[in-house]
Amino acid sequence: MTATLDSVQAPAAVGARRNEKVGQVVSTKMQKTIVVEVEMRKAHPKYKRIVRSTKKFYAHDEQSSARLGDVVRIRETRPLSKLKRWSLEEIVRRSSLAQIEDAAIRTEIETAN
């Protein structure tokens, strides 16, 4: 009897698998929020040609670490606001544009000191 109870409780303890998507950051103008554009490629049902479609997702970025152009992984979460249902999981690849901005900020700080 106890063996069956343990096996029933094990999946609940692990938690439900949340949906994840990988996309590019297109906006960081809000506080603790990024806009991620995910590209989906799918064969057209009739013509069998690959059709590209994009969708934007609003994701929560607690540390505001993501920058414009970064490739990020987002994970589905509970509703955080009217539009936010995703949270930033990790930054897969930094944008070269973000690296140039970092270098420009460092030079400004050094010249100010």
N, C-alpha and C. Protein backbone atom coordinates (compact mmCIF):
# COMPACT_ATOMS: atom_id res chain seq x y z
N MET A 1 0.82 -1.20 0.00
CA MET A 1 0.00 0.00 0.00
C MET A 1 0.86 1.26 0.00
N THR A 2 1.90 1.27 0.83
CA THR A 2 2.75 2.46 0.88
C THR A 2 3.56 2.64 -0.39
N ALA A 3 3.90 1.54 -1.07
CA ALA A 3 4.66 1.63 -2.31
C ALA A 3 3.85 2.36 -3.37
N THR A 4 2.55 2.10 -3.44
CA THR A 4 1.72 2.77 -4.44
C THR A 4 1.55 4.25 -4.10
N LEU A 5 1.47 4.58 -2.82
CA LEU A 5 1.36 5.99 -2.44
C LEU A 5 2.62 6.75 -2.81
N ASP A 6 3.80 6.15 -2.61
CA ASP A 6 5.05 6.80 -2.96
C ASP A 6 5.13 7.04 -4.46
N SER A 7 4.71 6.07 -5.25
CA SER A 7 4.79 6.22 -6.70
C SER A 7 3.82 7.29 -7.20
N VAL A 8 2.69 7.46 -6.52
CA VAL A 8 1.73 8.49 -6.91
C VAL A 8 2.26 9.87 -6.55
N GLN A 9 2.94 10.00 -5.41
CA GLN A 9 3.42 11.30 -4.96
C GLN A 9 4.68 11.74 -5.68
N ALA A 10 5.45 10.83 -6.24
CA ALA A 10 6.72 11.18 -6.88
C ALA A 10 6.55 12.17 -8.04
N PRO A 11 5.62 11.95 -9.00
CA PRO A 11 5.49 12.92 -10.08
C PRO A 11 5.04 14.30 -9.60
N ALA A 12 4.20 14.35 -8.58
CA ALA A 12 3.74 15.64 -8.06
C ALA A 12 4.88 16.41 -7.42
N ALA A 13 5.79 15.70 -6.78
CA ALA A 13 6.93 16.36 -6.13
C ALA A 13 7.87 16.97 -7.16
N VAL A 14 8.00 16.32 -8.31
CA VAL A 14 8.87 16.82 -9.37
C VAL A 14 8.29 18.10 -9.97
N GLY A 15 6.98 18.18 -10.09
CA GLY A 15 6.34 19.36 -10.65
C GLY A 15 6.05 19.18 -12.12
N ALA A 16 5.15 19.98 -12.61
CA ALA A 16 4.78 19.87 -14.02
C ALA A 16 5.89 20.45 -14.89
N ARG A 17 6.10 19.85 -16.03
CA ARG A 17 7.09 20.33 -16.98
C ARG A 17 6.54 21.60 -17.63
N ARG A 18 7.28 22.69 -17.50
CA ARG A 18 6.82 23.96 -18.07
C ARG A 18 7.33 24.12 -19.50
N ASN A 19 6.57 24.81 -20.30
CA ASN A 19 6.92 25.06 -21.68
C ASN A 19 8.10 26.02 -21.75
N GLU A 20 9.07 25.76 -22.63
CA GLU A 20 10.22 26.64 -22.81
C GLU A 20 10.33 27.03 -24.27
N LYS A 21 10.80 28.25 -24.50
CA LYS A 21 11.01 28.74 -25.86
C LYS A 21 12.33 29.49 -25.92
N VAL A 22 12.95 29.50 -27.09
CA VAL A 22 14.19 30.23 -27.31
C VAL A 22 13.91 31.30 -28.35
N GLY A 23 14.31 32.54 -28.04
CA GLY A 23 14.07 33.63 -28.98
C GLY A 23 15.04 34.78 -28.75
N GLN A 24 14.84 35.84 -29.49
CA GLN A 24 15.72 37.00 -29.47
C GLN A 24 15.04 38.16 -28.77
N VAL A 25 15.80 38.87 -27.92
CA VAL A 25 15.26 40.02 -27.20
C VAL A 25 15.13 41.19 -28.17
N VAL A 26 13.92 41.75 -28.27
CA VAL A 26 13.68 42.87 -29.18
C VAL A 26 13.42 44.17 -28.44
N SER A 27 13.15 44.10 -27.11
CA SER A 27 12.94 45.32 -26.35
C SER A 27 13.28 45.09 -24.88
N THR A 28 13.95 46.09 -24.30
CA THR A 28 14.27 46.06 -22.87
C THR A 28 13.90 47.39 -22.23
N LYS A 29 12.94 48.08 -22.78
CA LYS A 29 12.61 49.43 -22.33
C LYS A 29 11.77 49.48 -21.06
N MET A 30 11.19 48.35 -20.67
CA MET A 30 10.39 48.32 -19.44
C MET A 30 11.25 47.85 -18.28
N GLN A 31 10.82 48.16 -17.08
CA GLN A 31 11.56 47.73 -15.90
C GLN A 31 11.25 46.26 -15.61
N LYS A 32 12.30 45.45 -15.49
CA LYS A 32 12.20 44.02 -15.17
C LYS A 32 11.36 43.23 -16.17
N THR A 33 11.22 43.75 -17.38
CA THR A 33 10.46 43.06 -18.42
C THR A 33 11.21 43.14 -19.74
N ILE A 34 11.26 42.02 -20.44
CA ILE A 34 11.84 42.00 -21.77
C ILE A 34 10.80 41.47 -22.74
N VAL A 35 10.94 41.85 -24.00
CA VAL A 35 10.07 41.33 -25.05
C VAL A 35 10.93 40.41 -25.90
N VAL A 36 10.50 39.16 -26.01
CA VAL A 36 11.26 38.14 -26.73
C VAL A 36 10.47 37.73 -27.96
N GLU A 37 11.13 37.77 -29.12
CA GLU A 37 10.49 37.37 -30.36
C GLU A 37 10.94 35.95 -30.71
N VAL A 38 9.98 35.05 -30.81
CA VAL A 38 10.26 33.65 -31.11
C VAL A 38 9.82 33.38 -32.54
N GLU A 39 10.73 32.78 -33.31
CA GLU A 39 10.43 32.45 -34.71
C GLU A 39 10.03 30.99 -34.80
N MET A 40 8.90 30.74 -35.43
CA MET A 40 8.42 29.38 -35.62
C MET A 40 8.40 29.07 -37.10
N ARG A 41 8.98 27.94 -37.48
CA ARG A 41 9.01 27.52 -38.88
C ARG A 41 8.17 26.25 -39.00
N LYS A 42 7.25 26.27 -39.97
CA LYS A 42 6.29 25.19 -40.08
C LYS A 42 5.93 25.00 -41.55
N ALA A 43 5.73 23.76 -41.95
CA ALA A 43 5.34 23.48 -43.33
C ALA A 43 3.88 23.88 -43.54
N HIS A 44 3.61 24.54 -44.66
CA HIS A 44 2.24 24.92 -44.99
C HIS A 44 1.43 23.65 -45.24
N PRO A 45 0.20 23.56 -44.69
CA PRO A 45 -0.56 22.32 -44.80
C PRO A 45 -0.82 21.88 -46.25
N LYS A 46 -1.09 22.83 -47.13
CA LYS A 46 -1.42 22.46 -48.51
C LYS A 46 -0.22 22.49 -49.44
N TYR A 47 0.59 23.58 -49.34
CA TYR A 47 1.66 23.79 -50.32
C TYR A 47 3.00 23.22 -49.88
N LYS A 48 3.11 22.78 -48.62
CA LYS A 48 4.31 22.14 -48.08
C LYS A 48 5.56 23.02 -48.11
N ARG A 49 5.36 24.30 -48.28
CA ARG A 49 6.49 25.24 -48.23
C ARG A 49 6.70 25.65 -46.78
N ILE A 50 7.96 25.83 -46.38
CA ILE A 50 8.25 26.24 -45.01
C ILE A 50 7.84 27.70 -44.85
N VAL A 51 6.97 27.95 -43.88
CA VAL A 51 6.47 29.30 -43.61
C VAL A 51 7.03 29.74 -42.27
N ARG A 52 7.56 30.95 -42.24
CA ARG A 52 8.15 31.49 -41.02
C ARG A 52 7.15 32.46 -40.38
N SER A 53 6.89 32.25 -39.11
CA SER A 53 6.02 33.17 -38.39
C SER A 53 6.69 33.53 -37.07
N THR A 54 6.42 34.73 -36.59
CA THR A 54 7.02 35.17 -35.34
C THR A 54 5.93 35.56 -34.36
N LYS A 55 6.27 35.42 -33.08
CA LYS A 55 5.34 35.81 -32.02
C LYS A 55 6.16 36.44 -30.91
N LYS A 56 5.62 37.49 -30.31
CA LYS A 56 6.32 38.19 -29.23
C LYS A 56 5.76 37.74 -27.88
N PHE A 57 6.66 37.52 -26.95
CA PHE A 57 6.30 37.13 -25.59
C PHE A 57 6.90 38.13 -24.62
N TYR A 58 6.13 38.52 -23.62
CA TYR A 58 6.63 39.39 -22.55
C TYR A 58 7.14 38.49 -21.43
N ALA A 59 8.40 38.70 -21.02
CA ALA A 59 9.01 37.83 -20.02
C ALA A 59 9.57 38.67 -18.87
N HIS A 60 9.53 38.10 -17.67
CA HIS A 60 10.03 38.76 -16.47
C HIS A 60 11.55 38.55 -16.37
N ASP A 61 12.29 39.64 -16.22
CA ASP A 61 13.75 39.61 -16.07
C ASP A 61 14.09 40.32 -14.77
N GLU A 62 14.22 39.57 -13.69
CA GLU A 62 14.37 40.14 -12.34
C GLU A 62 15.59 41.05 -12.23
N GLN A 63 16.75 40.62 -12.74
CA GLN A 63 17.98 41.41 -12.61
C GLN A 63 18.20 42.37 -13.78
N SER A 64 17.31 42.40 -14.73
CA SER A 64 17.47 43.20 -15.95
C SER A 64 18.81 42.92 -16.62
N SER A 65 19.15 41.64 -16.72
CA SER A 65 20.44 41.23 -17.25
C SER A 65 20.44 41.07 -18.77
N ALA A 66 19.29 40.82 -19.37
CA ALA A 66 19.22 40.63 -20.82
C ALA A 66 19.33 41.97 -21.53
N ARG A 67 19.98 41.95 -22.67
CA ARG A 67 20.15 43.15 -23.47
C ARG A 67 19.54 42.95 -24.85
N LEU A 68 19.40 44.01 -25.57
CA LEU A 68 18.82 43.99 -26.91
C LEU A 68 19.65 43.07 -27.82
N GLY A 69 19.00 42.16 -28.52
CA GLY A 69 19.69 41.28 -29.45
C GLY A 69 20.15 39.96 -28.86
N ASP A 70 20.10 39.80 -27.55
CA ASP A 70 20.52 38.55 -26.92
C ASP A 70 19.57 37.42 -27.31
N VAL A 71 20.11 36.21 -27.39
CA VAL A 71 19.28 35.02 -27.58
C VAL A 71 19.06 34.44 -26.19
N VAL A 72 17.79 34.29 -25.80
CA VAL A 72 17.46 33.87 -24.44
C VAL A 72 16.50 32.69 -24.45
N ARG A 73 16.46 31.97 -23.32
CA ARG A 73 15.49 30.90 -23.10
C ARG A 73 14.50 31.40 -22.07
N ILE A 74 13.21 31.31 -22.39
CA ILE A 74 12.17 31.74 -21.46
C ILE A 74 11.34 30.52 -21.07
N ARG A 75 10.77 30.57 -19.86
CA ARG A 75 9.96 29.47 -19.35
C ARG A 75 8.60 29.98 -18.94
N GLU A 76 7.59 29.20 -19.22
CA GLU A 76 6.22 29.55 -18.87
C GLU A 76 6.07 29.60 -17.36
N THR A 77 5.30 30.57 -16.87
CA THR A 77 5.10 30.72 -15.43
C THR A 77 3.68 31.21 -15.18
N ARG A 78 3.36 31.43 -13.92
CA ARG A 78 2.03 31.94 -13.59
C ARG A 78 1.88 33.36 -14.12
N PRO A 79 0.68 33.86 -14.31
CA PRO A 79 0.51 35.24 -14.79
C PRO A 79 1.10 36.24 -13.80
N LEU A 80 2.00 37.10 -14.30
CA LEU A 80 2.63 38.12 -13.46
C LEU A 80 2.01 39.49 -13.69
N SER A 81 1.41 39.70 -14.84
CA SER A 81 0.71 40.95 -15.14
C SER A 81 -0.26 40.66 -16.28
N LYS A 82 -0.80 41.70 -16.86
CA LYS A 82 -1.77 41.52 -17.94
C LYS A 82 -1.18 40.73 -19.11
N LEU A 83 0.07 40.98 -19.45
CA LEU A 83 0.69 40.34 -20.61
C LEU A 83 1.80 39.35 -20.27
N LYS A 84 2.38 39.46 -19.07
CA LYS A 84 3.54 38.63 -18.73
C LYS A 84 3.13 37.26 -18.20
N ARG A 85 3.52 36.22 -18.95
CA ARG A 85 3.29 34.84 -18.53
C ARG A 85 4.55 34.00 -18.64
N TRP A 86 5.69 34.66 -18.85
CA TRP A 86 6.96 33.97 -19.05
C TRP A 86 8.02 34.60 -18.15
N SER A 87 9.06 33.83 -17.84
CA SER A 87 10.18 34.37 -17.08
C SER A 87 11.48 33.98 -17.76
N LEU A 88 12.49 34.81 -17.62
CA LEU A 88 13.79 34.56 -18.23
C LEU A 88 14.46 33.40 -17.51
N GLU A 89 14.84 32.39 -18.26
CA GLU A 89 15.49 31.22 -17.69
C GLU A 89 17.01 31.37 -17.77
N GLU A 90 17.52 31.67 -18.98
CA GLU A 90 18.95 31.88 -19.15
C GLU A 90 19.21 32.65 -20.42
N ILE A 91 20.40 33.25 -20.46
CA ILE A 91 20.84 33.94 -21.67
C ILE A 91 21.71 32.95 -22.43
N VAL A 92 21.22 32.52 -23.59
CA VAL A 92 21.92 31.50 -24.37
C VAL A 92 23.15 32.10 -25.04
N ARG A 93 22.98 33.27 -25.68
CA ARG A 93 24.09 33.91 -26.39
C ARG A 93 23.95 35.41 -26.29
N ARG A 94 25.03 36.06 -25.94
CA ARG A 94 25.05 37.52 -25.86
C ARG A 94 25.15 38.11 -27.26
N SER A 95 24.54 39.25 -27.45
CA SER A 95 24.60 39.95 -28.73
C SER A 95 25.92 40.70 -28.84
N SER A 96 26.44 40.81 -30.04
CA SER A 96 27.66 41.60 -30.24
C SER A 96 27.35 43.08 -29.99
N LEU A 97 26.12 43.49 -30.23
CA LEU A 97 25.70 44.86 -29.95
C LEU A 97 25.77 45.15 -28.46
N ALA A 98 25.39 44.19 -27.64
CA ALA A 98 25.44 44.34 -26.18
C ALA A 98 26.88 44.47 -25.71
N GLN A 99 27.81 43.74 -26.32
CA GLN A 99 29.22 43.82 -25.95
C GLN A 99 29.80 45.19 -26.29
N ILE A 100 29.39 45.76 -27.41
CA ILE A 100 29.85 47.09 -27.80
C ILE A 100 29.34 48.13 -26.81
N GLU A 101 28.07 47.99 -26.39
CA GLU A 101 27.49 48.91 -25.39
C GLU A 101 28.25 48.83 -24.07
N ASP A 102 28.59 47.60 -23.64
CA ASP A 102 29.35 47.42 -22.40
C ASP A 102 30.70 48.14 -22.48
N ALA A 103 31.38 48.01 -23.61
CA ALA A 103 32.68 48.64 -23.78
C ALA A 103 32.54 50.17 -23.75
N ALA A 104 31.48 50.69 -24.37
CA ALA A 104 31.26 52.14 -24.38
C ALA A 104 30.97 52.66 -22.98
N ILE A 105 30.22 51.92 -22.19
CA ILE A 105 29.91 52.32 -20.81
C ILE A 105 31.17 52.32 -19.96
N ARG A 106 32.01 51.30 -20.15
CA ARG A 106 33.27 51.22 -19.38
C ARG A 106 34.17 52.41 -19.70
N THR A 107 34.26 52.79 -20.97
CA THR A 107 35.12 53.92 -21.34
C THR A 107 34.57 55.23 -20.76
N GLU A 108 33.24 55.37 -20.73
CA GLU A 108 32.64 56.57 -20.12
C GLU A 108 32.96 56.66 -18.64
N ILE A 109 32.91 55.54 -17.95
CA ILE A 109 33.20 55.52 -16.52
C ILE A 109 34.67 55.85 -16.26
N GLU A 110 35.55 55.27 -17.10
CA GLU A 110 36.98 55.53 -16.93
C GLU A 110 37.34 56.99 -17.20
N THR A 111 36.71 57.59 -18.21
CA THR A 111 37.01 59.00 -18.51
C THR A 111 36.44 59.93 -17.45
N ALA A 112 35.33 59.53 -16.81
CA ALA A 112 34.73 60.36 -15.74
C ALA A 112 35.61 60.35 -14.49
N ASN A 113 36.29 59.24 -14.24
CA ASN A 113 37.16 59.13 -13.05
C ASN A 113 38.48 59.69 -13.37
